[in-house]
Amino acid sequence: VGRERLWAFEPAHLDEARRALEAISQQWDRALLR
């Protein structure tokens, strides 16, 4: 914007990381139940 650069958070990749962590968490939950 003019001579400045404005930075904004981009949540898409963080959401992707959250989904990956949730999948790992579910795998651990199943393994612990077994």
Full PDB file with SEQRES, HELIX, SHEET, SSBOND, CRYST1, ORIGX, SCALE, CONECT and MASTER records, all heavy atoms in Angstrom:
SEQRES   1 A   34  VAL GLY ARG GLU ARG LEU TRP ALA PHE GLU PRO ALA HIS          
SEQRES   2 A   34  LEU ASP GLU ALA ARG ARG ALA LEU GLU ALA ILE SER GLN          
SEQRES   3 A   34  GLN TRP ASP ARG ALA LEU LEU ARG                              
HELIX    1 AA1 PRO A   11  LEU A   33  1                                  23    
CRYST1    1.000    1.000    1.000  90.00  90.00  90.00 P 1           1          
ORIGX1      1.000000  0.000000  0.000000        0.00000                         
ORIGX2      0.000000  1.000000  0.000000        0.00000                         
ORIGX3      0.000000  0.000000  1.000000        0.00000                         
SCALE1      1.000000  0.000000  0.000000        0.00000                         
SCALE2      0.000000  1.000000  0.000000        0.00000                         
SCALE3      0.000000  0.000000  1.000000        0.00000                         
ATOM      1  N   VAL A   1       0.873  -1.169   0.000  1.00  0.00           N  
ATOM      2  CA  VAL A   1       0.000   0.000   0.000  1.00  0.00           C  
ATOM      3  C   VAL A   1       0.911   1.219   0.000  1.00  0.00           C  
ATOM      4  O   VAL A   1       1.521   1.541   1.026  1.00  0.00           O  
ATOM      5  CB  VAL A   1      -0.936   0.017   1.224  1.00  0.00           C  
ATOM      6  CG1 VAL A   1      -1.798   1.272   1.220  1.00  0.00           C  
ATOM      7  CG2 VAL A   1      -1.784  -1.245   1.271  1.00  0.00           C  
ATOM      8  N   GLY A   2       1.042   1.833  -1.155  1.00  0.00           N  
ATOM      9  CA  GLY A   2       1.971   2.957  -1.268  1.00  0.00           C  
ATOM     10  C   GLY A   2       3.392   2.466  -1.038  1.00  0.00           C  
ATOM     11  O   GLY A   2       3.852   1.532  -1.695  1.00  0.00           O  
ATOM     12  N   ARG A   3       4.082   3.076  -0.095  1.00  0.00           N  
ATOM     13  CA  ARG A   3       5.457   2.674   0.212  1.00  0.00           C  
ATOM     14  C   ARG A   3       5.520   1.635   1.330  1.00  0.00           C  
ATOM     15  O   ARG A   3       6.584   1.176   1.680  1.00  0.00           O  
ATOM     16  CB  ARG A   3       6.274   3.906   0.618  1.00  0.00           C  
ATOM     17  CG  ARG A   3       6.406   4.905  -0.496  1.00  0.00           C  
ATOM     18  CD  ARG A   3       7.250   6.086  -0.151  1.00  0.00           C  
ATOM     19  NE  ARG A   3       7.386   6.341   1.275  1.00  0.00           N  
ATOM     20  CZ  ARG A   3       7.987   7.373   1.793  1.00  0.00           C  
ATOM     21  NH1 ARG A   3       8.506   8.275   1.015  1.00  0.00           N  
ATOM     22  NH2 ARG A   3       8.076   7.539   3.084  1.00  0.00           N  
ATOM     23  N   GLU A   4       4.380   1.289   1.879  1.00  0.00           N  
ATOM     24  CA  GLU A   4       4.344   0.341   2.997  1.00  0.00           C  
ATOM     25  C   GLU A   4       3.928  -1.042   2.541  1.00  0.00           C  
ATOM     26  O   GLU A   4       3.278  -1.219   1.524  1.00  0.00           O  
ATOM     27  CB  GLU A   4       3.349   0.813   4.068  1.00  0.00           C  
ATOM     28  CG  GLU A   4       3.750   2.063   4.768  1.00  0.00           C  
ATOM     29  CD  GLU A   4       2.770   2.383   5.887  1.00  0.00           C  
ATOM     30  OE1 GLU A   4       1.564   2.111   5.727  1.00  0.00           O  
ATOM     31  OE2 GLU A   4       3.221   2.900   6.901  1.00  0.00           O  
ATOM     32  N   ARG A   5       4.320  -2.016   3.333  1.00  0.00           N  
ATOM     33  CA  ARG A   5       3.841  -3.388   3.167  1.00  0.00           C  
ATOM     34  C   ARG A   5       3.052  -3.733   4.409  1.00  0.00           C  
ATOM     35  O   ARG A   5       3.550  -3.653   5.517  1.00  0.00           O  
ATOM     36  CB  ARG A   5       5.022  -4.348   3.052  1.00  0.00           C  
ATOM     37  CG  ARG A   5       5.263  -4.693   1.659  1.00  0.00           C  
ATOM     38  CD  ARG A   5       6.240  -5.818   1.474  1.00  0.00           C  
ATOM     39  NE  ARG A   5       6.874  -5.625   0.209  1.00  0.00           N  
ATOM     40  CZ  ARG A   5       6.288  -5.845  -0.966  1.00  0.00           C  
ATOM     41  NH1 ARG A   5       5.076  -6.292  -1.017  1.00  0.00           N  
ATOM     42  NH2 ARG A   5       6.920  -5.618  -2.082  1.00  0.00           N  
ATOM     43  N   LEU A   6       1.805  -4.114   4.187  1.00  0.00           N  
ATOM     44  CA  LEU A   6       0.945  -4.504   5.300  1.00  0.00           C  
ATOM     45  C   LEU A   6       0.871  -6.027   5.318  1.00  0.00           C  
ATOM     46  O   LEU A   6       0.693  -6.662   4.275  1.00  0.00           O  
ATOM     47  CB  LEU A   6      -0.448  -3.895   5.142  1.00  0.00           C  
ATOM     48  CG  LEU A   6      -0.490  -2.371   5.020  1.00  0.00           C  
ATOM     49  CD1 LEU A   6      -1.918  -1.905   4.798  1.00  0.00           C  
ATOM     50  CD2 LEU A   6       0.119  -1.722   6.248  1.00  0.00           C  
ATOM     51  N   TRP A   7       0.991  -6.589   6.503  1.00  0.00           N  
ATOM     52  CA  TRP A   7       0.999  -8.042   6.652  1.00  0.00           C  
ATOM     53  C   TRP A   7      -0.291  -8.484   7.307  1.00  0.00           C  
ATOM     54  O   TRP A   7      -0.776  -7.869   8.254  1.00  0.00           O  
ATOM     55  CB  TRP A   7       2.204  -8.474   7.495  1.00  0.00           C  
ATOM     56  CG  TRP A   7       3.485  -8.211   6.788  1.00  0.00           C  
ATOM     57  CD1 TRP A   7       4.238  -7.063   6.847  1.00  0.00           C  
ATOM     58  CD2 TRP A   7       4.146  -9.077   5.882  1.00  0.00           C  
ATOM     59  NE1 TRP A   7       5.333  -7.187   6.030  1.00  0.00           N  
ATOM     60  CE2 TRP A   7       5.305  -8.409   5.431  1.00  0.00           C  
ATOM     61  CE3 TRP A   7       3.884 -10.344   5.395  1.00  0.00           C  
ATOM     62  CZ2 TRP A   7       6.195  -8.978   4.524  1.00  0.00           C  
ATOM     63  CZ3 TRP A   7       4.775 -10.920   4.502  1.00  0.00           C  
ATOM     64  CH2 TRP A   7       5.911 -10.233   4.070  1.00  0.00           C  
ATOM     65  N   ALA A   8      -0.841  -9.572   6.790  1.00  0.00           N  
ATOM     66  CA  ALA A   8      -2.081 -10.127   7.348  1.00  0.00           C  
ATOM     67  C   ALA A   8      -1.882 -11.615   7.591  1.00  0.00           C  
ATOM     68  O   ALA A   8      -1.188 -12.302   6.835  1.00  0.00           O  
ATOM     69  CB  ALA A   8      -3.239  -9.907   6.376  1.00  0.00           C  
ATOM     70  N   PHE A   9      -2.479 -12.091   8.646  1.00  0.00           N  
ATOM     71  CA  PHE A   9      -2.428 -13.511   8.994  1.00  0.00           C  
ATOM     72  C   PHE A   9      -3.190 -14.308   7.944  1.00  0.00           C  
ATOM     73  O   PHE A   9      -4.272 -13.916   7.513  1.00  0.00           O  
ATOM     74  CB  PHE A   9      -3.037 -13.707  10.386  1.00  0.00           C  
ATOM     75  CG  PHE A   9      -3.145 -15.133  10.808  1.00  0.00           C  
ATOM     76  CD1 PHE A   9      -2.011 -15.906  10.981  1.00  0.00           C  
ATOM     77  CD2 PHE A   9      -4.382 -15.710  11.026  1.00  0.00           C  
ATOM     78  CE1 PHE A   9      -2.108 -17.222  11.375  1.00  0.00           C  
ATOM     79  CE2 PHE A   9      -4.490 -17.024  11.424  1.00  0.00           C  
ATOM     80  CZ  PHE A   9      -3.348 -17.780  11.593  1.00  0.00           C  
ATOM     81  N   GLU A  10      -2.650 -15.436   7.534  1.00  0.00           N  
ATOM     82  CA  GLU A  10      -3.267 -16.321   6.543  1.00  0.00           C  
ATOM     83  C   GLU A  10      -3.589 -17.638   7.241  1.00  0.00           C  
ATOM     84  O   GLU A  10      -2.724 -18.490   7.407  1.00  0.00           O  
ATOM     85  CB  GLU A  10      -2.308 -16.536   5.370  1.00  0.00           C  
ATOM     86  CG  GLU A  10      -2.900 -17.277   4.211  1.00  0.00           C  
ATOM     87  CD  GLU A  10      -4.056 -16.537   3.560  1.00  0.00           C  
ATOM     88  OE1 GLU A  10      -3.896 -15.360   3.209  1.00  0.00           O  
ATOM     89  OE2 GLU A  10      -5.126 -17.149   3.430  1.00  0.00           O  
ATOM     90  N   PRO A  11      -4.831 -17.832   7.681  1.00  0.00           N  
ATOM     91  CA  PRO A  11      -5.152 -18.984   8.532  1.00  0.00           C  
ATOM     92  C   PRO A  11      -5.196 -20.338   7.815  1.00  0.00           C  
ATOM     93  O   PRO A  11      -5.192 -21.364   8.475  1.00  0.00           O  
ATOM     94  CB  PRO A  11      -6.533 -18.627   9.083  1.00  0.00           C  
ATOM     95  CG  PRO A  11      -7.130 -17.723   8.075  1.00  0.00           C  
ATOM     96  CD  PRO A  11      -5.975 -16.950   7.477  1.00  0.00           C  
ATOM     97  N   ALA A  12      -5.194 -20.375   6.501  1.00  0.00           N  
ATOM     98  CA  ALA A  12      -5.372 -21.644   5.785  1.00  0.00           C  
ATOM     99  C   ALA A  12      -4.322 -22.679   6.163  1.00  0.00           C  
ATOM    100  O   ALA A  12      -4.652 -23.840   6.435  1.00  0.00           O  
ATOM    101  CB  ALA A  12      -5.367 -21.402   4.276  1.00  0.00           C  
ATOM    102  N   HIS A  13      -3.050 -22.280   6.195  1.00  0.00           N  
ATOM    103  CA  HIS A  13      -2.001 -23.249   6.512  1.00  0.00           C  
ATOM    104  C   HIS A  13      -2.042 -23.663   7.984  1.00  0.00           C  
ATOM    105  O   HIS A  13      -1.724 -24.795   8.321  1.00  0.00           O  
ATOM    106  CB  HIS A  13      -0.623 -22.703   6.153  1.00  0.00           C  
ATOM    107  CG  HIS A  13      -0.399 -22.643   4.679  1.00  0.00           C  
ATOM    108  ND1 HIS A  13      -0.111 -23.753   3.930  1.00  0.00           N  
ATOM    109  CD2 HIS A  13      -0.460 -21.611   3.811  1.00  0.00           C  
ATOM    110  CE1 HIS A  13       0.011 -23.412   2.666  1.00  0.00           C  
ATOM    111  NE2 HIS A  13      -0.203 -22.109   2.560  1.00  0.00           N  
ATOM    112  N   LEU A  14      -2.456 -22.748   8.841  1.00  0.00           N  
ATOM    113  CA  LEU A  14      -2.586 -23.089  10.250  1.00  0.00           C  
ATOM    114  C   LEU A  14      -3.733 -24.070  10.441  1.00  0.00           C  
ATOM    115  O   LEU A  14      -3.633 -25.006  11.236  1.00  0.00           O  
ATOM    116  CB  LEU A  14      -2.808 -21.815  11.071  1.00  0.00           C  
ATOM    117  CG  LEU A  14      -2.400 -21.860  12.521  1.00  0.00           C  
ATOM    118  CD1 LEU A  14      -0.976 -22.335  12.699  1.00  0.00           C  
ATOM    119  CD2 LEU A  14      -2.587 -20.511  13.157  1.00  0.00           C  
ATOM    120  N   ASP A  15      -4.807 -23.890   9.693  1.00  0.00           N  
ATOM    121  CA  ASP A  15      -5.920 -24.843   9.739  1.00  0.00           C  
ATOM    122  C   ASP A  15      -5.465 -26.222   9.264  1.00  0.00           C  
ATOM    123  O   ASP A  15      -5.853 -27.245   9.820  1.00  0.00           O  
ATOM    124  CB  ASP A  15      -7.095 -24.360   8.883  1.00  0.00           C  
ATOM    125  CG  ASP A  15      -7.815 -23.166   9.485  1.00  0.00           C  
ATOM    126  OD1 ASP A  15      -7.695 -22.959  10.713  1.00  0.00           O  
ATOM    127  OD2 ASP A  15      -8.498 -22.451   8.732  1.00  0.00           O  
ATOM    128  N   GLU A  16      -4.639 -26.236   8.229  1.00  0.00           N  
ATOM    129  CA  GLU A  16      -4.088 -27.502   7.724  1.00  0.00           C  
ATOM    130  C   GLU A  16      -3.255 -28.190   8.803  1.00  0.00           C  
ATOM    131  O   GLU A  16      -3.373 -29.397   9.021  1.00  0.00           O  
ATOM    132  CB  GLU A  16      -3.232 -27.210   6.494  1.00  0.00           C  
ATOM    133  CG  GLU A  16      -2.626 -28.409   5.835  1.00  0.00           C  
ATOM    134  CD  GLU A  16      -1.769 -27.999   4.638  1.00  0.00           C  
ATOM    135  OE1 GLU A  16      -2.136 -27.048   3.926  1.00  0.00           O  
ATOM    136  OE2 GLU A  16      -0.730 -28.645   4.442  1.00  0.00           O  
ATOM    137  N   ALA A  17      -2.437 -27.418   9.503  1.00  0.00           N  
ATOM    138  CA  ALA A  17      -1.619 -27.977  10.583  1.00  0.00           C  
ATOM    139  C   ALA A  17      -2.504 -28.497  11.719  1.00  0.00           C  
ATOM    140  O   ALA A  17      -2.245 -29.565  12.283  1.00  0.00           O  
ATOM    141  CB  ALA A  17      -0.646 -26.925  11.107  1.00  0.00           C  
ATOM    142  N   ARG A  18      -3.568 -27.751  12.021  1.00  0.00           N  
ATOM    143  CA  ARG A  18      -4.506 -28.178  13.080  1.00  0.00           C  
ATOM    144  C   ARG A  18      -5.154 -29.504  12.715  1.00  0.00           C  
ATOM    145  O   ARG A  18      -5.263 -30.414  13.529  1.00  0.00           O  
ATOM    146  CB  ARG A  18      -5.571 -27.106  13.319  1.00  0.00           C  
ATOM    147  CG  ARG A  18      -6.584 -27.478  14.398  1.00  0.00           C  
ATOM    148  CD  ARG A  18      -7.751 -26.505  14.459  1.00  0.00           C  
ATOM    149  NE  ARG A  18      -8.358 -26.188  13.186  1.00  0.00           N  
ATOM    150  CZ  ARG A  18      -9.204 -26.996  12.516  1.00  0.00           C  
ATOM    151  NH1 ARG A  18      -9.513 -28.175  13.013  1.00  0.00           N  
ATOM    152  NH2 ARG A  18      -9.719 -26.626  11.364  1.00  0.00           N  
ATOM    153  N   ARG A  19      -5.574 -29.645  11.450  1.00  0.00           N  
ATOM    154  CA  ARG A  19      -6.191 -30.899  11.008  1.00  0.00           C  
ATOM    155  C   ARG A  19      -5.201 -32.066  11.096  1.00  0.00           C  
ATOM    156  O   ARG A  19      -5.573 -33.167  11.502  1.00  0.00           O  
ATOM    157  CB  ARG A  19      -6.729 -30.752   9.574  1.00  0.00           C  
ATOM    158  CG  ARG A  19      -8.004 -29.927   9.503  1.00  0.00           C  
ATOM    159  CD  ARG A  19      -8.650 -29.992   8.130  1.00  0.00           C  
ATOM    160  NE  ARG A  19      -7.782 -29.496   7.066  1.00  0.00           N  
ATOM    161  CZ  ARG A  19      -7.699 -28.220   6.691  1.00  0.00           C  
ATOM    162  NH1 ARG A  19      -8.428 -27.313   7.303  1.00  0.00           N  
ATOM    163  NH2 ARG A  19      -6.904 -27.857   5.707  1.00  0.00           N  
ATOM    164  N   ALA A  20      -3.952 -31.813  10.751  1.00  0.00           N  
ATOM    165  CA  ALA A  20      -2.931 -32.862  10.840  1.00  0.00           C  
ATOM    166  C   ALA A  20      -2.728 -33.274  12.291  1.00  0.00           C  
ATOM    167  O   ALA A  20      -2.637 -34.471  12.604  1.00  0.00           O  
ATOM    168  CB  ALA A  20      -1.615 -32.382  10.230  1.00  0.00           C  
ATOM    169  N   LEU A  21      -2.687 -32.298  13.199  1.00  0.00           N  
ATOM    170  CA  LEU A  21      -2.520 -32.610  14.621  1.00  0.00           C  
ATOM    171  C   LEU A  21      -3.727 -33.363  15.169  1.00  0.00           C  
ATOM    172  O   LEU A  21      -3.583 -34.266  15.992  1.00  0.00           O  
ATOM    173  CB  LEU A  21      -2.273 -31.335  15.428  1.00  0.00           C  
ATOM    174  CG  LEU A  21      -0.907 -30.688  15.235  1.00  0.00           C  
ATOM    175  CD1 LEU A  21      -0.846 -29.353  15.964  1.00  0.00           C  
ATOM    176  CD2 LEU A  21       0.195 -31.618  15.708  1.00  0.00           C  
ATOM    177  N   GLU A  22      -4.917 -33.003  14.711  1.00  0.00           N  
ATOM    178  CA  GLU A  22      -6.118 -33.716  15.148  1.00  0.00           C  
ATOM    179  C   GLU A  22      -6.090 -35.170  14.680  1.00  0.00           C  
ATOM    180  O   GLU A  22      -6.462 -36.077  15.432  1.00  0.00           O  
ATOM    181  CB  GLU A  22      -7.369 -33.019  14.633  1.00  0.00           C  
ATOM    182  CG  GLU A  22      -7.701 -31.750  15.383  1.00  0.00           C  
ATOM    183  CD  GLU A  22      -8.888 -31.001  14.787  1.00  0.00           C  
ATOM    184  OE1 GLU A  22      -9.425 -31.434  13.740  1.00  0.00           O  
ATOM    185  OE2 GLU A  22      -9.269 -29.977  15.371  1.00  0.00           O  
ATOM    186  N   ALA A  23      -5.632 -35.403  13.461  1.00  0.00           N  
ATOM    187  CA  ALA A  23      -5.535 -36.776  12.947  1.00  0.00           C  
ATOM    188  C   ALA A  23      -4.536 -37.583  13.770  1.00  0.00           C  
ATOM    189  O   ALA A  23      -4.806 -38.735  14.132  1.00  0.00           O  
ATOM    190  CB  ALA A  23      -5.130 -36.762  11.473  1.00  0.00           C  
ATOM    191  N   ILE A  24      -3.415 -36.983  14.095  1.00  0.00           N  
ATOM    192  CA  ILE A  24      -2.411 -37.668  14.919  1.00  0.00           C  
ATOM    193  C   ILE A  24      -2.983 -37.949  16.305  1.00  0.00           C  
ATOM    194  O   ILE A  24      -2.807 -39.035  16.858  1.00  0.00           O  
ATOM    195  CB  ILE A  24      -1.122 -36.827  15.011  1.00  0.00           C  
ATOM    196  CG1 ILE A  24      -0.436 -36.791  13.640  1.00  0.00           C  
ATOM    197  CG2 ILE A  24      -0.181 -37.366  16.082  1.00  0.00           C  
ATOM    198  CD1 ILE A  24       0.685 -35.779  13.541  1.00  0.00           C  
ATOM    199  N   SER A  25      -3.702 -36.980  16.856  1.00  0.00           N  
ATOM    200  CA  SER A  25      -4.310 -37.146  18.172  1.00  0.00           C  
ATOM    201  C   SER A  25      -5.302 -38.307  18.175  1.00  0.00           C  
ATOM    202  O   SER A  25      -5.328 -39.122  19.117  1.00  0.00           O  
ATOM    203  CB  SER A  25      -5.007 -35.851  18.585  1.00  0.00           C  
ATOM    204  OG  SER A  25      -5.682 -36.016  19.804  1.00  0.00           O  
ATOM    205  N   GLN A  26      -6.106 -38.412  17.124  1.00  0.00           N  
ATOM    206  CA  GLN A  26      -7.068 -39.513  17.031  1.00  0.00           C  
ATOM    207  C   GLN A  26      -6.352 -40.859  16.933  1.00  0.00           C  
ATOM    208  O   GLN A  26      -6.790 -41.839  17.536  1.00  0.00           O  
ATOM    209  CB  GLN A  26      -7.990 -39.296  15.836  1.00  0.00           C  
ATOM    210  CG  GLN A  26      -8.953 -38.154  16.035  1.00  0.00           C  
ATOM    211  CD  GLN A  26      -9.737 -37.836  14.772  1.00  0.00           C  
ATOM    212  OE1 GLN A  26      -9.572 -38.479  13.739  1.00  0.00           O  
ATOM    213  NE2 GLN A  26     -10.587 -36.822  14.852  1.00  0.00           N  
ATOM    214  N   GLN A  27      -5.248 -40.905  16.197  1.00  0.00           N  
ATOM    215  CA  GLN A  27      -4.474 -42.142  16.098  1.00  0.00           C  
ATOM    216  C   GLN A  27      -3.935 -42.544  17.466  1.00  0.00           C  
ATOM    217  O   GLN A  27      -3.987 -43.713  17.844  1.00  0.00           O  
ATOM    218  CB  GLN A  27      -3.320 -41.986  15.106  1.00  0.00           C  
ATOM    219  CG  GLN A  27      -3.764 -41.872  13.672  1.00  0.00           C  
ATOM    220  CD  GLN A  27      -2.620 -41.519  12.738  1.00  0.00           C  
ATOM    221  OE1 GLN A  27      -1.529 -41.166  13.178  1.00  0.00           O  
ATOM    222  NE2 GLN A  27      -2.866 -41.606  11.444  1.00  0.00           N  
ATOM    223  N   TRP A  28      -3.426 -41.566  18.215  1.00  0.00           N  
ATOM    224  CA  TRP A  28      -2.906 -41.855  19.554  1.00  0.00           C  
ATOM    225  C   TRP A  28      -4.025 -42.307  20.481  1.00  0.00           C  
ATOM    226  O   TRP A  28      -3.846 -43.223  21.292  1.00  0.00           O  
ATOM    227  CB  TRP A  28      -2.192 -40.626  20.135  1.00  0.00           C  
ATOM    228  CG  TRP A  28      -0.756 -40.581  19.744  1.00  0.00           C  
ATOM    229  CD1 TRP A  28      -0.187 -39.817  18.777  1.00  0.00           C  
ATOM    230  CD2 TRP A  28       0.308 -41.365  20.307  1.00  0.00           C  
ATOM    231  NE1 TRP A  28       1.159 -40.070  18.700  1.00  0.00           N  
ATOM    232  CE2 TRP A  28       1.485 -41.011  19.634  1.00  0.00           C  
ATOM    233  CE3 TRP A  28       0.363 -42.324  21.311  1.00  0.00           C  
ATOM    234  CZ2 TRP A  28       2.715 -41.593  19.939  1.00  0.00           C  
ATOM    235  CZ3 TRP A  28       1.586 -42.899  21.610  1.00  0.00           C  
ATOM    236  CH2 TRP A  28       2.743 -42.530  20.926  1.00  0.00           C  
ATOM    237  N   ASP A  29      -5.179 -41.661  20.390  1.00  0.00           N  
ATOM    238  CA  ASP A  29      -6.314 -42.062  21.233  1.00  0.00           C  
ATOM    239  C   ASP A  29      -6.688 -43.522  20.974  1.00  0.00           C  
ATOM    240  O   ASP A  29      -6.903 -44.291  21.914  1.00  0.00           O  
ATOM    241  CB  ASP A  29      -7.528 -41.161  20.976  1.00  0.00           C  
ATOM    242  CG  ASP A  29      -7.358 -39.762  21.532  1.00  0.00           C  
ATOM    243  OD1 ASP A  29      -6.435 -39.547  22.355  1.00  0.00           O  
ATOM    244  OD2 ASP A  29      -8.144 -38.873  21.135  1.00  0.00           O  
ATOM    245  N   ARG A  30      -6.751 -43.901  19.696  1.00  0.00           N  
ATOM    246  CA  ARG A  30      -7.084 -45.294  19.361  1.00  0.00           C  
ATOM    247  C   ARG A  30      -6.000 -46.246  19.869  1.00  0.00           C  
ATOM    248  O   ARG A  30      -6.305 -47.310  20.420  1.00  0.00           O  
ATOM    249  CB  ARG A  30      -7.278 -45.446  17.851  1.00  0.00           C  
ATOM    250  CG  ARG A  30      -8.562 -44.802  17.353  1.00  0.00           C  
ATOM    251  CD  ARG A  30      -8.865 -45.169  15.909  1.00  0.00           C  
ATOM    252  NE  ARG A  30      -7.850 -44.722  14.976  1.00  0.00           N  
ATOM    253  CZ  ARG A  30      -7.853 -43.553  14.340  1.00  0.00           C  
ATOM    254  NH1 ARG A  30      -8.842 -42.700  14.550  1.00  0.00           N  
ATOM    255  NH2 ARG A  30      -6.902 -43.236  13.491  1.00  0.00           N  
ATOM    256  N   ALA A  31      -4.738 -45.867  19.702  1.00  0.00           N  
ATOM    257  CA  ALA A  31      -3.640 -46.724  20.163  1.00  0.00           C  
ATOM    258  C   ALA A  31      -3.669 -46.881  21.680  1.00  0.00           C  
ATOM    259  O   ALA A  31      -3.461 -47.979  22.202  1.00  0.00           O  
ATOM    260  CB  ALA A  31      -2.289 -46.145  19.712  1.00  0.00           C  
ATOM    261  N   LEU A  32      -3.957 -45.796  22.390  1.00  0.00           N  
ATOM    262  CA  LEU A  32      -4.021 -45.871  23.852  1.00  0.00           C  
ATOM    263  C   LEU A  32      -5.200 -46.715  24.317  1.00  0.00           C  
ATOM    264  O   LEU A  32      -5.096 -47.448  25.312  1.00  0.00           O  
ATOM    265  CB  LEU A  32      -4.084 -44.462  24.451  1.00  0.00           C  
ATOM    266  CG  LEU A  32      -2.790 -43.662  24.346  1.00  0.00           C  
ATOM    267  CD1 LEU A  32      -3.008 -42.225  24.798  1.00  0.00           C  
ATOM    268  CD2 LEU A  32      -1.668 -44.320  25.152  1.00  0.00           C  
ATOM    269  N   LEU A  33      -6.311 -46.632  23.615  1.00  0.00           N  
ATOM    270  CA  LEU A  33      -7.452 -47.482  23.965  1.00  0.00           C  
ATOM    271  C   LEU A  33      -7.123 -48.957  23.765  1.00  0.00           C  
ATOM    272  O   LEU A  33      -7.505 -49.803  24.579  1.00  0.00           O  
ATOM    273  CB  LEU A  33      -8.686 -47.089  23.137  1.00  0.00           C  
ATOM    274  CG  LEU A  33      -9.385 -45.805  23.564  1.00  0.00           C  
ATOM    275  CD1 LEU A  33     -10.493 -45.442  22.573  1.00  0.00           C  
ATOM    276  CD2 LEU A  33      -9.942 -45.937  24.970  1.00  0.00           C  
ATOM    277  N   ARG A  34      -6.405 -49.271  22.670  1.00  0.00           N  
ATOM    278  CA  ARG A  34      -5.998 -50.647  22.447  1.00  0.00           C  
ATOM    279  C   ARG A  34      -5.039 -51.110  23.546  1.00  0.00           C  
ATOM    280  O   ARG A  34      -5.162 -52.233  24.070  1.00  0.00           O  
ATOM    281  CB  ARG A  34      -5.341 -50.824  21.069  1.00  0.00           C  
ATOM    282  CG  ARG A  34      -6.324 -50.729  19.915  1.00  0.00           C  
ATOM    283  CD  ARG A  34      -5.710 -51.164  18.599  1.00  0.00           C  
ATOM    284  NE  ARG A  34      -4.492 -50.466  18.254  1.00  0.00           N  
ATOM    285  CZ  ARG A  34      -4.416 -49.339  17.537  1.00  0.00           C  
ATOM    286  NH1 ARG A  34      -5.525 -48.792  17.066  1.00  0.00           N  
ATOM    287  NH2 ARG A  34      -3.264 -48.786  17.258  1.00  0.00           N  
TER     288      ARG A  34                                                      
MASTER        0    0    0    1    0    0    0    6  287    1    0    3          
END                                                                             
